[in-house]
Amino acid sequence: MTTTLTVDKAGRVVIPKPIREKMHLQEGSRLRVELVGDRLELTHEPSEVQLERRGRRRVIVGWEGFDAAQAVHDAREDHMERLAVVRRET
């Protein structure tokens, strides 16, 4: 997914909603910015998730709005897309 962003007077950019949703970004999400050559790379630094014991089970507890099942589903889809690209190239 590629898009062009515009920097405002205060140096801010708005990340488009489809990208925010795919990356599970919400208000207060932390991003690391890194200068790589002549590019800026943003990396999502998710809040810490914890493993808690609830009864006899251990469950992942994330930030408000965190959906572990959706995150696993999205990661699988991304992985399958990358595999499909590699297969087409060979």
N, C-alpha and C. Protein backbone atom coordinates (compact mmCIF):
# COMPACT_ATOMS: atom_id res chain seq x y z
N MET A 1 0.85 -1.17 0.00
CA MET A 1 0.00 0.00 0.00
C MET A 1 0.90 1.23 0.00
N THR A 2 0.71 2.10 -0.95
CA THR A 2 1.52 3.31 -1.07
C THR A 2 0.62 4.52 -1.18
N THR A 3 1.00 5.60 -0.53
CA THR A 3 0.26 6.85 -0.61
C THR A 3 1.23 8.01 -0.42
N THR A 4 0.84 9.18 -0.87
CA THR A 4 1.65 10.38 -0.69
C THR A 4 1.01 11.22 0.41
N LEU A 5 1.83 11.64 1.37
CA LEU A 5 1.35 12.45 2.48
C LEU A 5 1.91 13.85 2.37
N THR A 6 1.23 14.81 2.98
CA THR A 6 1.69 16.19 2.99
C THR A 6 2.03 16.59 4.42
N VAL A 7 3.16 17.21 4.61
CA VAL A 7 3.59 17.68 5.93
C VAL A 7 2.97 19.04 6.17
N ASP A 8 2.32 19.23 7.34
CA ASP A 8 1.72 20.54 7.63
C ASP A 8 2.76 21.47 8.25
N LYS A 9 2.33 22.68 8.56
CA LYS A 9 3.22 23.72 9.08
C LYS A 9 3.94 23.29 10.35
N ALA A 10 3.27 22.47 11.16
CA ALA A 10 3.86 22.01 12.42
C ALA A 10 4.71 20.74 12.23
N GLY A 11 4.84 20.27 10.99
CA GLY A 11 5.65 19.08 10.73
C GLY A 11 4.90 17.77 10.88
N ARG A 12 3.57 17.83 10.93
CA ARG A 12 2.76 16.63 11.12
C ARG A 12 2.27 16.06 9.80
N VAL A 13 2.02 14.76 9.82
CA VAL A 13 1.38 14.09 8.70
C VAL A 13 0.23 13.27 9.26
N VAL A 14 -0.77 13.00 8.43
CA VAL A 14 -1.90 12.17 8.82
C VAL A 14 -1.74 10.83 8.13
N ILE A 15 -1.77 9.76 8.91
CA ILE A 15 -1.70 8.42 8.34
C ILE A 15 -3.11 8.03 7.92
N PRO A 16 -3.31 7.67 6.66
CA PRO A 16 -4.65 7.34 6.18
C PRO A 16 -5.30 6.21 6.98
N LYS A 17 -6.62 6.29 7.12
CA LYS A 17 -7.37 5.34 7.94
C LYS A 17 -7.14 3.89 7.54
N PRO A 18 -7.14 3.53 6.23
CA PRO A 18 -6.91 2.12 5.90
C PRO A 18 -5.56 1.60 6.41
N ILE A 19 -4.55 2.44 6.41
CA ILE A 19 -3.23 2.03 6.92
C ILE A 19 -3.28 1.93 8.44
N ARG A 20 -3.92 2.90 9.11
CA ARG A 20 -4.05 2.84 10.57
C ARG A 20 -4.77 1.57 10.99
N GLU A 21 -5.83 1.22 10.26
CA GLU A 21 -6.59 0.02 10.61
C GLU A 21 -5.75 -1.24 10.39
N LYS A 22 -5.06 -1.32 9.27
CA LYS A 22 -4.24 -2.50 8.97
C LYS A 22 -3.12 -2.67 10.00
N MET A 23 -2.56 -1.55 10.46
CA MET A 23 -1.47 -1.59 11.43
C MET A 23 -1.97 -1.57 12.88
N HIS A 24 -3.28 -1.54 13.08
CA HIS A 24 -3.89 -1.51 14.41
C HIS A 24 -3.41 -0.30 15.20
N LEU A 25 -3.32 0.85 14.53
CA LEU A 25 -2.91 2.09 15.18
C LEU A 25 -4.14 2.80 15.71
N GLN A 26 -4.02 3.35 16.88
CA GLN A 26 -5.10 4.13 17.46
C GLN A 26 -4.49 5.30 18.21
N GLU A 27 -5.34 6.17 18.71
CA GLU A 27 -4.84 7.33 19.44
C GLU A 27 -3.90 6.87 20.55
N GLY A 28 -2.73 7.47 20.60
CA GLY A 28 -1.76 7.12 21.62
C GLY A 28 -0.78 6.04 21.18
N SER A 29 -1.00 5.46 19.99
CA SER A 29 -0.06 4.46 19.49
C SER A 29 1.32 5.08 19.34
N ARG A 30 2.34 4.29 19.62
CA ARG A 30 3.72 4.78 19.52
C ARG A 30 4.32 4.30 18.21
N LEU A 31 4.99 5.22 17.52
CA LEU A 31 5.69 4.91 16.29
C LEU A 31 7.15 5.30 16.44
N ARG A 32 8.05 4.44 15.95
CA ARG A 32 9.47 4.77 15.93
C ARG A 32 9.78 5.24 14.52
N VAL A 33 10.44 6.37 14.40
CA VAL A 33 10.83 6.88 13.08
C VAL A 33 12.34 6.73 12.95
N GLU A 34 12.74 6.23 11.79
CA GLU A 34 14.17 6.00 11.55
C GLU A 34 14.51 6.54 10.17
N LEU A 35 15.62 7.25 10.09
CA LEU A 35 16.11 7.76 8.82
C LEU A 35 17.02 6.70 8.22
N VAL A 36 16.63 6.18 7.06
CA VAL A 36 17.40 5.13 6.37
C VAL A 36 17.74 5.67 5.00
N GLY A 37 18.98 6.11 4.84
CA GLY A 37 19.38 6.74 3.58
C GLY A 37 18.57 8.01 3.40
N ASP A 38 17.80 8.08 2.32
CA ASP A 38 16.96 9.25 2.07
C ASP A 38 15.48 8.94 2.33
N ARG A 39 15.21 7.91 3.15
CA ARG A 39 13.83 7.51 3.46
C ARG A 39 13.57 7.60 4.96
N LEU A 40 12.31 7.80 5.31
CA LEU A 40 11.87 7.70 6.69
C LEU A 40 11.10 6.40 6.83
N GLU A 41 11.42 5.64 7.85
CA GLU A 41 10.68 4.41 8.12
C GLU A 41 9.98 4.54 9.46
N LEU A 42 8.67 4.28 9.45
CA LEU A 42 7.89 4.29 10.69
C LEU A 42 7.63 2.85 11.08
N THR A 43 7.86 2.55 12.34
CA THR A 43 7.62 1.21 12.85
C THR A 43 6.71 1.31 14.06
N HIS A 44 5.63 0.54 14.03
CA HIS A 44 4.69 0.52 15.14
C HIS A 44 5.33 -0.17 16.33
N GLU A 45 5.33 0.50 17.45
CA GLU A 45 5.81 -0.09 18.69
C GLU A 45 4.60 -0.31 19.58
N PRO A 46 4.01 -1.50 19.47
CA PRO A 46 2.79 -1.74 20.24
C PRO A 46 3.05 -1.68 21.74
N SER A 47 2.02 -1.31 22.48
CA SER A 47 2.12 -1.32 23.93
C SER A 47 2.41 -2.75 24.37
N GLU A 48 2.97 -2.85 25.54
CA GLU A 48 3.29 -4.17 26.05
C GLU A 48 2.03 -4.99 26.22
N VAL A 49 2.10 -6.24 25.83
CA VAL A 49 1.02 -7.17 26.12
C VAL A 49 1.51 -8.08 27.23
N GLN A 50 0.59 -8.54 28.01
CA GLN A 50 0.96 -9.37 29.15
C GLN A 50 0.20 -10.68 29.09
N LEU A 51 0.78 -11.68 29.71
CA LEU A 51 0.13 -12.96 29.84
C LEU A 51 -0.39 -13.05 31.27
N GLU A 52 -1.70 -13.19 31.43
CA GLU A 52 -2.30 -13.26 32.76
C GLU A 52 -2.98 -14.60 32.94
N ARG A 53 -2.97 -15.07 34.16
CA ARG A 53 -3.69 -16.30 34.47
C ARG A 53 -5.11 -15.92 34.88
N ARG A 54 -6.07 -16.51 34.19
CA ARG A 54 -7.48 -16.31 34.52
C ARG A 54 -8.09 -17.69 34.70
N GLY A 55 -8.27 -18.02 35.96
CA GLY A 55 -8.71 -19.38 36.26
C GLY A 55 -7.58 -20.34 35.93
N ARG A 56 -7.86 -21.34 35.12
CA ARG A 56 -6.84 -22.32 34.75
C ARG A 56 -6.15 -21.96 33.44
N ARG A 57 -6.56 -20.86 32.82
CA ARG A 57 -6.01 -20.49 31.52
C ARG A 57 -5.13 -19.26 31.62
N ARG A 58 -4.23 -19.17 30.66
CA ARG A 58 -3.44 -17.95 30.50
C ARG A 58 -3.98 -17.23 29.28
N VAL A 59 -4.16 -15.94 29.41
CA VAL A 59 -4.71 -15.15 28.31
C VAL A 59 -3.80 -13.95 28.04
N ILE A 60 -3.78 -13.53 26.77
CA ILE A 60 -3.02 -12.35 26.39
C ILE A 60 -3.87 -11.14 26.70
N VAL A 61 -3.31 -10.20 27.42
CA VAL A 61 -4.01 -8.96 27.76
C VAL A 61 -3.24 -7.84 27.08
N GLY A 62 -3.89 -7.15 26.16
CA GLY A 62 -3.23 -6.07 25.43
C GLY A 62 -3.85 -4.74 25.81
N TRP A 63 -3.65 -3.78 24.95
CA TRP A 63 -4.18 -2.46 25.18
C TRP A 63 -5.66 -2.44 24.82
N GLU A 64 -6.34 -1.40 25.22
CA GLU A 64 -7.77 -1.28 24.93
C GLU A 64 -8.00 -1.32 23.43
N GLY A 65 -8.92 -2.16 23.00
CA GLY A 65 -9.21 -2.29 21.58
C GLY A 65 -8.36 -3.34 20.89
N PHE A 66 -7.39 -3.93 21.59
CA PHE A 66 -6.53 -4.95 21.00
C PHE A 66 -7.34 -6.21 20.73
N ASP A 67 -7.25 -6.70 19.51
CA ASP A 67 -7.96 -7.90 19.11
C ASP A 67 -6.92 -8.92 18.65
N ALA A 68 -6.55 -9.83 19.54
CA ALA A 68 -5.50 -10.80 19.24
C ALA A 68 -5.88 -11.67 18.06
N ALA A 69 -7.13 -12.11 18.00
CA ALA A 69 -7.56 -12.97 16.89
C ALA A 69 -7.43 -12.24 15.56
N GLN A 70 -7.82 -10.98 15.52
CA GLN A 70 -7.71 -10.20 14.28
C GLN A 70 -6.24 -9.98 13.93
N ALA A 71 -5.41 -9.74 14.93
CA ALA A 71 -3.98 -9.54 14.68
C ALA A 71 -3.35 -10.79 14.08
N VAL A 72 -3.71 -11.96 14.60
CA VAL A 72 -3.20 -13.23 14.05
C VAL A 72 -3.71 -13.42 12.63
N HIS A 73 -4.99 -13.15 12.40
CA HIS A 73 -5.58 -13.27 11.06
C HIS A 73 -4.86 -12.37 10.07
N ASP A 74 -4.65 -11.12 10.45
CA ASP A 74 -3.97 -10.16 9.57
C ASP A 74 -2.53 -10.60 9.27
N ALA A 75 -1.84 -11.10 10.31
CA ALA A 75 -0.47 -11.55 10.11
C ALA A 75 -0.43 -12.73 9.14
N ARG A 76 -1.39 -13.63 9.25
CA ARG A 76 -1.45 -14.78 8.34
C ARG A 76 -1.72 -14.32 6.91
N GLU A 77 -2.64 -13.37 6.75
CA GLU A 77 -2.93 -12.85 5.41
C GLU A 77 -1.70 -12.21 4.79
N ASP A 78 -1.00 -11.39 5.57
CA ASP A 78 0.22 -10.75 5.06
C ASP A 78 1.25 -11.79 4.66
N HIS A 79 1.40 -12.83 5.48
CA HIS A 79 2.36 -13.89 5.18
C HIS A 79 1.98 -14.61 3.88
N MET A 80 0.70 -14.91 3.71
CA MET A 80 0.24 -15.60 2.50
C MET A 80 0.44 -14.72 1.27
N GLU A 81 0.23 -13.42 1.41
CA GLU A 81 0.47 -12.50 0.28
C GLU A 81 1.94 -12.50 -0.11
N ARG A 82 2.83 -12.47 0.88
CA ARG A 82 4.27 -12.49 0.58
C ARG A 82 4.67 -13.80 -0.09
N LEU A 83 4.10 -14.92 0.37
CA LEU A 83 4.39 -16.21 -0.26
C LEU A 83 3.91 -16.24 -1.70
N ALA A 84 2.73 -15.68 -1.95
CA ALA A 84 2.19 -15.66 -3.32
C ALA A 84 3.08 -14.85 -4.25
N VAL A 85 3.62 -13.75 -3.77
CA VAL A 85 4.51 -12.92 -4.58
C VAL A 85 5.78 -13.70 -4.92
N VAL A 86 6.33 -14.38 -3.92
CA VAL A 86 7.56 -15.16 -4.14
C VAL A 86 7.30 -16.26 -5.15
N ARG A 87 6.16 -16.93 -5.05
CA ARG A 87 5.84 -18.00 -6.00
C ARG A 87 5.67 -17.49 -7.42
N ARG A 88 5.06 -16.30 -7.54
CA ARG A 88 4.88 -15.74 -8.90
C ARG A 88 6.22 -15.35 -9.53
N GLU A 89 7.17 -14.95 -8.68
CA GLU A 89 8.48 -14.53 -9.19
C GLU A 89 9.34 -15.69 -9.62
N THR A 90 9.02 -16.90 -9.15
CA THR A 90 9.85 -18.07 -9.50
C THR A 90 9.27 -18.84 -10.64
